[in-house]
Amino acid sequence: CLATRLKHFATFITAIDPELIPSELTRCDHIEPWLVSLPH
């Protein structure tokens, strides 16, 4: 189940930046856009 959920998360954030790694994540550019996309 973790693999399924993390794939969705990783697919979204790497679509913004394909070479992204977790240390480069920001709240404004990655996390909040993903949270906003979840209800849709």
ModelCIF file with pLDDT and N, C-alpha, C, O atoms, coordinates in Angstrom:
data_MODEL
#
_entry.id   MODEL 
#
_entity.id                         1 
_entity.type                       polymer 
_entity.pdbx_number_of_molecules   1 
#
_entity_poly.entity_id                      1 
_entity_poly.type                           'polypeptide(L)' 
_entity_poly.nstd_linkage                   no 
_entity_poly.nstd_monomer                   no 
_entity_poly.pdbx_seq_one_letter_code       CLATRLKHFATFITAIDPELIPSELTRCDHIEPWLVSLPH 
_entity_poly.pdbx_seq_one_letter_code_can   CLATRLKHFATFITAIDPELIPSELTRCDHIEPWLVSLPH 
_entity_poly.pdbx_strand_id                 A 
#
loop_
_entity_poly_seq.entity_id 
_entity_poly_seq.num 
_entity_poly_seq.mon_id 
_entity_poly_seq.hetero 
1 1  CYS n 
1 2  LEU n 
1 3  ALA n 
1 4  THR n 
1 5  ARG n 
1 6  LEU n 
1 7  LYS n 
1 8  HIS n 
1 9  PHE n 
1 10 ALA n 
1 11 THR n 
1 12 PHE n 
1 13 ILE n 
1 14 THR n 
1 15 ALA n 
1 16 ILE n 
1 17 ASP n 
1 18 PRO n 
1 19 GLU n 
1 20 LEU n 
1 21 ILE n 
1 22 PRO n 
1 23 SER n 
1 24 GLU n 
1 25 LEU n 
1 26 THR n 
1 27 ARG n 
1 28 CYS n 
1 29 ASP n 
1 30 HIS n 
1 31 ILE n 
1 32 GLU n 
1 33 PRO n 
1 34 TRP n 
1 35 LEU n 
1 36 VAL n 
1 37 SER n 
1 38 LEU n 
1 39 PRO n 
1 40 HIS n 
#
_struct_asym.id          A 
_struct_asym.entity_id   1 
#
loop_
_ma_qa_metric.id 
_ma_qa_metric.mode 
_ma_qa_metric.name 
_ma_qa_metric.software_group_id 
_ma_qa_metric.type 
1 global pLDDT . pLDDT 
2 local  pLDDT . pLDDT 
#
_ma_qa_metric_global.metric_id      1 
_ma_qa_metric_global.metric_value   94.12 
_ma_qa_metric_global.model_id       1 
_ma_qa_metric_global.ordinal_id     1 
#
loop_
_ma_qa_metric_local.label_asym_id 
_ma_qa_metric_local.label_comp_id 
_ma_qa_metric_local.label_seq_id 
_ma_qa_metric_local.metric_id 
_ma_qa_metric_local.metric_value 
_ma_qa_metric_local.model_id 
_ma_qa_metric_local.ordinal_id 
A CYS 1  2 92.00 1 1  
A LEU 2  2 95.00 1 2  
A ALA 3  2 95.00 1 3  
A THR 4  2 93.00 1 4  
A ARG 5  2 94.00 1 5  
A LEU 6  2 96.00 1 6  
A LYS 7  2 95.00 1 7  
A HIS 8  2 94.00 1 8  
A PHE 9  2 95.00 1 9  
A ALA 10 2 95.00 1 10 
A THR 11 2 95.00 1 11 
A PHE 12 2 95.00 1 12 
A ILE 13 2 94.00 1 13 
A THR 14 2 95.00 1 14 
A ALA 15 2 94.00 1 15 
A ILE 16 2 93.00 1 16 
A ASP 17 2 92.00 1 17 
A PRO 18 2 94.00 1 18 
A GLU 19 2 93.00 1 19 
A LEU 20 2 92.00 1 20 
A ILE 21 2 94.00 1 21 
A PRO 22 2 95.00 1 22 
A SER 23 2 94.00 1 23 
A GLU 24 2 94.00 1 24 
A LEU 25 2 94.00 1 25 
A THR 26 2 94.00 1 26 
A ARG 27 2 94.00 1 27 
A CYS 28 2 93.00 1 28 
A ASP 29 2 93.00 1 29 
A HIS 30 2 95.00 1 30 
A ILE 31 2 95.00 1 31 
A GLU 32 2 95.00 1 32 
A PRO 33 2 95.00 1 33 
A TRP 34 2 96.00 1 34 
A LEU 35 2 95.00 1 35 
A VAL 36 2 95.00 1 36 
A SER 37 2 95.00 1 37 
A LEU 38 2 94.00 1 38 
A PRO 39 2 92.00 1 39 
A HIS 40 2 92.00 1 40 
#
loop_
_atom_site.group_PDB 
_atom_site.id 
_atom_site.type_symbol 
_atom_site.label_atom_id 
_atom_site.label_alt_id 
_atom_site.label_comp_id 
_atom_site.label_asym_id 
_atom_site.label_entity_id 
_atom_site.label_seq_id 
_atom_site.pdbx_PDB_ins_code 
_atom_site.Cartn_x 
_atom_site.Cartn_y 
_atom_site.Cartn_z 
_atom_site.occupancy 
_atom_site.B_iso_or_equiv 
_atom_site.pdbx_formal_charge 
_atom_site.auth_seq_id 
_atom_site.auth_comp_id 
_atom_site.auth_asym_id 
_atom_site.auth_atom_id 
_atom_site.pdbx_PDB_model_num 
ATOM 1   N N  . CYS A 1 1  ? 0.836   -1.211 0.000   1.00 92.00 ? 1  CYS A N  1 
ATOM 2   C CA . CYS A 1 1  ? 0.000   0.000  0.000   1.00 92.00 ? 1  CYS A CA 1 
ATOM 3   C C  . CYS A 1 1  ? 0.867   1.257  0.000   1.00 92.00 ? 1  CYS A C  1 
ATOM 4   O O  . CYS A 1 1  ? 0.545   2.239  -0.668  1.00 92.00 ? 1  CYS A O  1 
ATOM 5   N N  . LEU A 1 2  ? 1.964   1.221  0.748   1.00 95.00 ? 2  LEU A N  1 
ATOM 6   C CA . LEU A 1 2  ? 2.888   2.366  0.752   1.00 95.00 ? 2  LEU A CA 1 
ATOM 7   C C  . LEU A 1 2  ? 3.431   2.632  -0.645  1.00 95.00 ? 2  LEU A C  1 
ATOM 8   O O  . LEU A 1 2  ? 3.551   3.784  -1.064  1.00 95.00 ? 2  LEU A O  1 
ATOM 9   N N  . ALA A 1 3  ? 3.757   1.570  -1.359  1.00 95.00 ? 3  ALA A N  1 
ATOM 10  C CA . ALA A 1 3  ? 4.302   1.737  -2.712  1.00 95.00 ? 3  ALA A CA 1 
ATOM 11  C C  . ALA A 1 3  ? 3.306   2.443  -3.620  1.00 95.00 ? 3  ALA A C  1 
ATOM 12  O O  . ALA A 1 3  ? 3.684   3.309  -4.408  1.00 95.00 ? 3  ALA A O  1 
ATOM 13  N N  . THR A 1 4  ? 2.036   2.074  -3.510  1.00 93.00 ? 4  THR A N  1 
ATOM 14  C CA . THR A 1 4  ? 1.004   2.702  -4.342  1.00 93.00 ? 4  THR A CA 1 
ATOM 15  C C  . THR A 1 4  ? 0.863   4.186  -4.020  1.00 93.00 ? 4  THR A C  1 
ATOM 16  O O  . THR A 1 4  ? 0.784   5.021  -4.921  1.00 93.00 ? 4  THR A O  1 
ATOM 17  N N  . ARG A 1 5  ? 0.833   4.503  -2.744  1.00 94.00 ? 5  ARG A N  1 
ATOM 18  C CA . ARG A 1 5  ? 0.618   5.905  -2.346  1.00 94.00 ? 5  ARG A CA 1 
ATOM 19  C C  . ARG A 1 5  ? 1.845   6.770  -2.619  1.00 94.00 ? 5  ARG A C  1 
ATOM 20  O O  . ARG A 1 5  ? 1.718   7.922  -3.033  1.00 94.00 ? 5  ARG A O  1 
ATOM 21  N N  . LEU A 1 6  ? 3.023   6.217  -2.387  1.00 96.00 ? 6  LEU A N  1 
ATOM 22  C CA . LEU A 1 6  ? 4.228   7.004  -2.635  1.00 96.00 ? 6  LEU A CA 1 
ATOM 23  C C  . LEU A 1 6  ? 4.475   7.195  -4.129  1.00 96.00 ? 6  LEU A C  1 
ATOM 24  O O  . LEU A 1 6  ? 5.071   8.192  -4.536  1.00 96.00 ? 6  LEU A O  1 
ATOM 25  N N  . LYS A 1 7  ? 4.026   6.254  -4.941  1.00 95.00 ? 7  LYS A N  1 
ATOM 26  C CA . LYS A 1 7  ? 4.187   6.438  -6.382  1.00 95.00 ? 7  LYS A CA 1 
ATOM 27  C C  . LYS A 1 7  ? 3.387   7.645  -6.855  1.00 95.00 ? 7  LYS A C  1 
ATOM 28  O O  . LYS A 1 7  ? 3.862   8.428  -7.678  1.00 95.00 ? 7  LYS A O  1 
ATOM 29  N N  . HIS A 1 8  ? 2.164   7.796  -6.330  1.00 94.00 ? 8  HIS A N  1 
ATOM 30  C CA . HIS A 1 8  ? 1.359   8.953  -6.716  1.00 94.00 ? 8  HIS A CA 1 
ATOM 31  C C  . HIS A 1 8  ? 2.039   10.248 -6.290  1.00 94.00 ? 8  HIS A C  1 
ATOM 32  O O  . HIS A 1 8  ? 2.084   11.208 -7.059  1.00 94.00 ? 8  HIS A O  1 
ATOM 33  N N  . PHE A 1 9  ? 2.570   10.279 -5.069  1.00 95.00 ? 9  PHE A N  1 
ATOM 34  C CA . PHE A 1 9  ? 3.261   11.463 -4.572  1.00 95.00 ? 9  PHE A CA 1 
ATOM 35  C C  . PHE A 1 9  ? 4.491   11.776 -5.417  1.00 95.00 ? 9  PHE A C  1 
ATOM 36  O O  . PHE A 1 9  ? 4.704   12.922 -5.811  1.00 95.00 ? 9  PHE A O  1 
ATOM 37  N N  . ALA A 1 10 ? 5.305   10.747 -5.696  1.00 95.00 ? 10 ALA A N  1 
ATOM 38  C CA . ALA A 1 10 ? 6.543   10.966 -6.453  1.00 95.00 ? 10 ALA A CA 1 
ATOM 39  C C  . ALA A 1 10 ? 6.252   11.344 -7.898  1.00 95.00 ? 10 ALA A C  1 
ATOM 40  O O  . ALA A 1 10 ? 6.972   12.152 -8.484  1.00 95.00 ? 10 ALA A O  1 
ATOM 41  N N  . THR A 1 11 ? 5.207   10.770 -8.475  1.00 95.00 ? 11 THR A N  1 
ATOM 42  C CA . THR A 1 11 ? 4.859   11.098 -9.852  1.00 95.00 ? 11 THR A CA 1 
ATOM 43  C C  . THR A 1 11 ? 4.491   12.572 -9.977  1.00 95.00 ? 11 THR A C  1 
ATOM 44  O O  . THR A 1 11 ? 4.851   13.231 -10.953 1.00 95.00 ? 11 THR A O  1 
ATOM 45  N N  . PHE A 1 12 ? 3.774   13.080 -8.984  1.00 95.00 ? 12 PHE A N  1 
ATOM 46  C CA . PHE A 1 12 ? 3.354   14.490 -9.028  1.00 95.00 ? 12 PHE A CA 1 
ATOM 47  C C  . PHE A 1 12 ? 4.545   15.430 -8.885  1.00 95.00 ? 12 PHE A C  1 
ATOM 48  O O  . PHE A 1 12 ? 4.691   16.369 -9.668  1.00 95.00 ? 12 PHE A O  1 
ATOM 49  N N  . ILE A 1 13 ? 5.394   15.185 -7.893  1.00 94.00 ? 13 ILE A N  1 
ATOM 50  C CA . ILE A 1 13 ? 6.469   16.151 -7.630  1.00 94.00 ? 13 ILE A CA 1 
ATOM 51  C C  . ILE A 1 13 ? 7.578   16.069 -8.678  1.00 94.00 ? 13 ILE A C  1 
ATOM 52  O O  . ILE A 1 13 ? 8.213   17.079 -8.980  1.00 94.00 ? 13 ILE A O  1 
ATOM 53  N N  . THR A 1 14 ? 7.821   14.874 -9.242  1.00 95.00 ? 14 THR A N  1 
ATOM 54  C CA . THR A 1 14 ? 8.855   14.783 -10.281 1.00 95.00 ? 14 THR A CA 1 
ATOM 55  C C  . THR A 1 14 ? 8.356   15.322 -11.612 1.00 95.00 ? 14 THR A C  1 
ATOM 56  O O  . THR A 1 14 ? 9.157   15.606 -12.503 1.00 95.00 ? 14 THR A O  1 
ATOM 57  N N  . ALA A 1 15 ? 7.036   15.468 -11.761 1.00 94.00 ? 15 ALA A N  1 
ATOM 58  C CA . ALA A 1 15 ? 6.520   16.132 -12.956 1.00 94.00 ? 15 ALA A CA 1 
ATOM 59  C C  . ALA A 1 15 ? 6.879   17.616 -12.929 1.00 94.00 ? 15 ALA A C  1 
ATOM 60  O O  . ALA A 1 15 ? 6.996   18.247 -13.979 1.00 94.00 ? 15 ALA A O  1 
ATOM 61  N N  . ILE A 1 16 ? 7.054   18.171 -11.737 1.00 93.00 ? 16 ILE A N  1 
ATOM 62  C CA . ILE A 1 16 ? 7.486   19.565 -11.589 1.00 93.00 ? 16 ILE A CA 1 
ATOM 63  C C  . ILE A 1 16 ? 8.969   19.686 -11.864 1.00 93.00 ? 16 ILE A C  1 
ATOM 64  O O  . ILE A 1 16 ? 9.414   20.607 -12.547 1.00 93.00 ? 16 ILE A O  1 
ATOM 65  N N  . ASP A 1 17 ? 9.745   18.728 -11.313 1.00 92.00 ? 17 ASP A N  1 
ATOM 66  C CA . ASP A 1 17 ? 11.192  18.719 -11.507 1.00 92.00 ? 17 ASP A CA 1 
ATOM 67  C C  . ASP A 1 17 ? 11.652  17.265 -11.554 1.00 92.00 ? 17 ASP A C  1 
ATOM 68  O O  . ASP A 1 17 ? 11.724  16.625 -10.505 1.00 92.00 ? 17 ASP A O  1 
ATOM 69  N N  . PRO A 1 18 ? 11.969  16.713 -12.738 1.00 94.00 ? 18 PRO A N  1 
ATOM 70  C CA . PRO A 1 18 ? 12.315  15.284 -12.853 1.00 94.00 ? 18 PRO A CA 1 
ATOM 71  C C  . PRO A 1 18 ? 13.527  14.866 -12.034 1.00 94.00 ? 18 PRO A C  1 
ATOM 72  O O  . PRO A 1 18 ? 13.602  13.710 -11.617 1.00 94.00 ? 18 PRO A O  1 
ATOM 73  N N  . GLU A 1 19 ? 14.466  15.752 -11.792 1.00 93.00 ? 19 GLU A N  1 
ATOM 74  C CA . GLU A 1 19 ? 15.687  15.389 -11.063 1.00 93.00 ? 19 GLU A CA 1 
ATOM 75  C C  . GLU A 1 19 ? 15.582  15.695 -9.573  1.00 93.00 ? 19 GLU A C  1 
ATOM 76  O O  . GLU A 1 19 ? 16.595  15.733 -8.875  1.00 93.00 ? 19 GLU A O  1 
ATOM 77  N N  . LEU A 1 20 ? 14.372  15.913 -9.086  1.00 92.00 ? 20 LEU A N  1 
ATOM 78  C CA . LEU A 1 20 ? 14.156  16.300 -7.695  1.00 92.00 ? 20 LEU A CA 1 
ATOM 79  C C  . LEU A 1 20 ? 14.505  15.160 -6.743  1.00 92.00 ? 20 LEU A C  1 
ATOM 80  O O  . LEU A 1 20 ? 14.264  13.993 -7.050  1.00 92.00 ? 20 LEU A O  1 
ATOM 81  N N  . ILE A 1 21 ? 15.079  15.504 -5.577  1.00 94.00 ? 21 ILE A N  1 
ATOM 82  C CA . ILE A 1 21 ? 15.297  14.569 -4.477  1.00 94.00 ? 21 ILE A CA 1 
ATOM 83  C C  . ILE A 1 21 ? 14.638  15.167 -3.232  1.00 94.00 ? 21 ILE A C  1 
ATOM 84  O O  . ILE A 1 21 ? 14.387  16.372 -3.210  1.00 94.00 ? 21 ILE A O  1 
ATOM 85  N N  . PRO A 1 22 ? 14.350  14.376 -2.199  1.00 95.00 ? 22 PRO A N  1 
ATOM 86  C CA . PRO A 1 22 ? 13.610  14.893 -1.036  1.00 95.00 ? 22 PRO A CA 1 
ATOM 87  C C  . PRO A 1 22 ? 14.242  16.123 -0.387  1.00 95.00 ? 22 PRO A C  1 
ATOM 88  O O  . PRO A 1 22 ? 13.516  16.992 0.096   1.00 95.00 ? 22 PRO A O  1 
ATOM 89  N N  . SER A 1 23 ? 15.555  16.221 -0.363  1.00 94.00 ? 23 SER A N  1 
ATOM 90  C CA . SER A 1 23 ? 16.189  17.370 0.288   1.00 94.00 ? 23 SER A CA 1 
ATOM 91  C C  . SER A 1 23 ? 15.909  18.679 -0.437  1.00 94.00 ? 23 SER A C  1 
ATOM 92  O O  . SER A 1 23 ? 16.103  19.752 0.135   1.00 94.00 ? 23 SER A O  1 
ATOM 93  N N  . GLU A 1 24 ? 15.459  18.611 -1.676  1.00 94.00 ? 24 GLU A N  1 
ATOM 94  C CA . GLU A 1 24 ? 15.180  19.817 -2.458  1.00 94.00 ? 24 GLU A CA 1 
ATOM 95  C C  . GLU A 1 24 ? 13.707  20.194 -2.444  1.00 94.00 ? 24 GLU A C  1 
ATOM 96  O O  . GLU A 1 24 ? 13.313  21.183 -3.062  1.00 94.00 ? 24 GLU A O  1 
ATOM 97  N N  . LEU A 1 25 ? 12.883  19.408 -1.739  1.00 94.00 ? 25 LEU A N  1 
ATOM 98  C CA . LEU A 1 25 ? 11.464  19.724 -1.668  1.00 94.00 ? 25 LEU A CA 1 
ATOM 99  C C  . LEU A 1 25 ? 11.224  21.005 -0.881  1.00 94.00 ? 25 LEU A C  1 
ATOM 100 O O  . LEU A 1 25 ? 11.908  21.274 0.106   1.00 94.00 ? 25 LEU A O  1 
ATOM 101 N N  . THR A 1 26 ? 10.251  21.790 -1.323  1.00 94.00 ? 26 THR A N  1 
ATOM 102 C CA . THR A 1 26 ? 9.826   22.970 -0.580  1.00 94.00 ? 26 THR A CA 1 
ATOM 103 C C  . THR A 1 26 ? 8.331   22.901 -0.353  1.00 94.00 ? 26 THR A C  1 
ATOM 104 O O  . THR A 1 26 ? 7.590   22.291 -1.124  1.00 94.00 ? 26 THR A O  1 
ATOM 105 N N  . ARG A 1 27 ? 7.910   23.533 0.712   1.00 94.00 ? 27 ARG A N  1 
ATOM 106 C CA . ARG A 1 27 ? 6.492   23.529 1.054   1.00 94.00 ? 27 ARG A CA 1 
ATOM 107 C C  . ARG A 1 27 ? 5.668   24.226 -0.034  1.00 94.00 ? 27 ARG A C  1 
ATOM 108 O O  . ARG A 1 27 ? 4.615   23.730 -0.434  1.00 94.00 ? 27 ARG A O  1 
ATOM 109 N N  . CYS A 1 28 ? 6.141   25.348 -0.495  1.00 93.00 ? 28 CYS A N  1 
ATOM 110 C CA . CYS A 1 28 ? 5.382   26.183 -1.424  1.00 93.00 ? 28 CYS A CA 1 
ATOM 111 C C  . CYS A 1 28 ? 5.340   25.591 -2.834  1.00 93.00 ? 28 CYS A C  1 
ATOM 112 O O  . CYS A 1 28 ? 4.294   25.603 -3.484  1.00 93.00 ? 28 CYS A O  1 
ATOM 113 N N  . ASP A 1 29 ? 6.471   25.077 -3.303  1.00 93.00 ? 29 ASP A N  1 
ATOM 114 C CA . ASP A 1 29 ? 6.560   24.653 -4.707  1.00 93.00 ? 29 ASP A CA 1 
ATOM 115 C C  . ASP A 1 29 ? 6.102   23.224 -4.943  1.00 93.00 ? 29 ASP A C  1 
ATOM 116 O O  . ASP A 1 29 ? 5.713   22.881 -6.059  1.00 93.00 ? 29 ASP A O  1 
ATOM 117 N N  . HIS A 1 30 ? 6.142   22.379 -3.909  1.00 95.00 ? 30 HIS A N  1 
ATOM 118 C CA . HIS A 1 30 ? 5.860   20.964 -4.137  1.00 95.00 ? 30 HIS A CA 1 
ATOM 119 C C  . HIS A 1 30 ? 4.744   20.410 -3.249  1.00 95.00 ? 30 HIS A C  1 
ATOM 120 O O  . HIS A 1 30 ? 3.790   19.818 -3.753  1.00 95.00 ? 30 HIS A O  1 
ATOM 121 N N  . ILE A 1 31 ? 4.858   20.597 -1.931  1.00 95.00 ? 31 ILE A N  1 
ATOM 122 C CA . ILE A 1 31 ? 3.929   19.953 -1.012  1.00 95.00 ? 31 ILE A CA 1 
ATOM 123 C C  . ILE A 1 31 ? 2.525   20.529 -1.138  1.00 95.00 ? 31 ILE A C  1 
ATOM 124 O O  . ILE A 1 31 ? 1.559   19.781 -1.286  1.00 95.00 ? 31 ILE A O  1 
ATOM 125 N N  . GLU A 1 32 ? 2.405   21.844 -1.082  1.00 95.00 ? 32 GLU A N  1 
ATOM 126 C CA . GLU A 1 32 ? 1.076   22.446 -1.134  1.00 95.00 ? 32 GLU A CA 1 
ATOM 127 C C  . GLU A 1 32 ? 0.374   22.210 -2.474  1.00 95.00 ? 32 GLU A C  1 
ATOM 128 O O  . GLU A 1 32 ? -0.823  21.921 -2.467  1.00 95.00 ? 32 GLU A O  1 
ATOM 129 N N  . PRO A 1 33 ? 1.052   22.316 -3.623  1.00 95.00 ? 33 PRO A N  1 
ATOM 130 C CA . PRO A 1 33 ? 0.362   21.959 -4.874  1.00 95.00 ? 33 PRO A CA 1 
ATOM 131 C C  . PRO A 1 33 ? -0.134  20.513 -4.890  1.00 95.00 ? 33 PRO A C  1 
ATOM 132 O O  . PRO A 1 33 ? -1.207  20.224 -5.420  1.00 95.00 ? 33 PRO A O  1 
ATOM 133 N N  . TRP A 1 34 ? 0.656   19.609 -4.306  1.00 96.00 ? 34 TRP A N  1 
ATOM 134 C CA . TRP A 1 34 ? 0.216   18.209 -4.258  1.00 96.00 ? 34 TRP A CA 1 
ATOM 135 C C  . TRP A 1 34 ? -1.010  18.066 -3.352  1.00 96.00 ? 34 TRP A C  1 
ATOM 136 O O  . TRP A 1 34 ? -1.958  17.362 -3.701  1.00 96.00 ? 34 TRP A O  1 
ATOM 137 N N  . LEU A 1 35 ? -0.995  18.727 -2.193  1.00 95.00 ? 35 LEU A N  1 
ATOM 138 C CA . LEU A 1 35 ? -2.144  18.663 -1.288  1.00 95.00 ? 35 LEU A CA 1 
ATOM 139 C C  . LEU A 1 35 ? -3.405  19.201 -1.964  1.00 95.00 ? 35 LEU A C  1 
ATOM 140 O O  . LEU A 1 35 ? -4.488  18.638 -1.805  1.00 95.00 ? 35 LEU A O  1 
ATOM 141 N N  . VAL A 1 36 ? -3.261  20.287 -2.714  1.00 95.00 ? 36 VAL A N  1 
ATOM 142 C CA . VAL A 1 36 ? -4.419  20.876 -3.395  1.00 95.00 ? 36 VAL A CA 1 
ATOM 143 C C  . VAL A 1 36 ? -4.959  19.939 -4.473  1.00 95.00 ? 36 VAL A C  1 
ATOM 144 O O  . VAL A 1 36 ? -6.155  19.951 -4.762  1.00 95.00 ? 36 VAL A O  1 
ATOM 145 N N  . SER A 1 37 ? -4.081  19.126 -5.071  1.00 95.00 ? 37 SER A N  1 
ATOM 146 C CA . SER A 1 37 ? -4.511  18.236 -6.153  1.00 95.00 ? 37 SER A CA 1 
ATOM 147 C C  . SER A 1 37 ? -5.247  16.999 -5.652  1.00 95.00 ? 37 SER A C  1 
ATOM 148 O O  . SER A 1 37 ? -5.977  16.371 -6.418  1.00 95.00 ? 37 SER A O  1 
ATOM 149 N N  . LEU A 1 38 ? -5.070  16.636 -4.383  1.00 94.00 ? 38 LEU A N  1 
ATOM 150 C CA . LEU A 1 38 ? -5.621  15.377 -3.880  1.00 94.00 ? 38 LEU A CA 1 
ATOM 151 C C  . LEU A 1 38 ? -7.142  15.275 -4.005  1.00 94.00 ? 38 LEU A C  1 
ATOM 152 O O  . LEU A 1 38 ? -7.628  14.229 -4.435  1.00 94.00 ? 38 LEU A O  1 
ATOM 153 N N  . PRO A 1 39 ? -7.924  16.306 -3.651  1.00 92.00 ? 39 PRO A N  1 
ATOM 154 C CA . PRO A 1 39 ? -9.388  16.156 -3.782  1.00 92.00 ? 39 PRO A CA 1 
ATOM 155 C C  . PRO A 1 39 ? -9.857  15.937 -5.215  1.00 92.00 ? 39 PRO A C  1 
ATOM 156 O O  . PRO A 1 39 ? -10.989 15.504 -5.433  1.00 92.00 ? 39 PRO A O  1 
ATOM 157 N N  . HIS A 1 40 ? -9.011  16.226 -6.187  1.00 92.00 ? 40 HIS A N  1 
ATOM 158 C CA . HIS A 1 40 ? -9.385  16.068 -7.595  1.00 92.00 ? 40 HIS A CA 1 
ATOM 159 C C  . HIS A 1 40 ? -8.721  14.840 -8.235  1.00 92.00 ? 40 HIS A C  1 
ATOM 160 O O  . HIS A 1 40 ? -8.935  14.568 -9.417  1.00 92.00 ? 40 HIS A O  1 
#
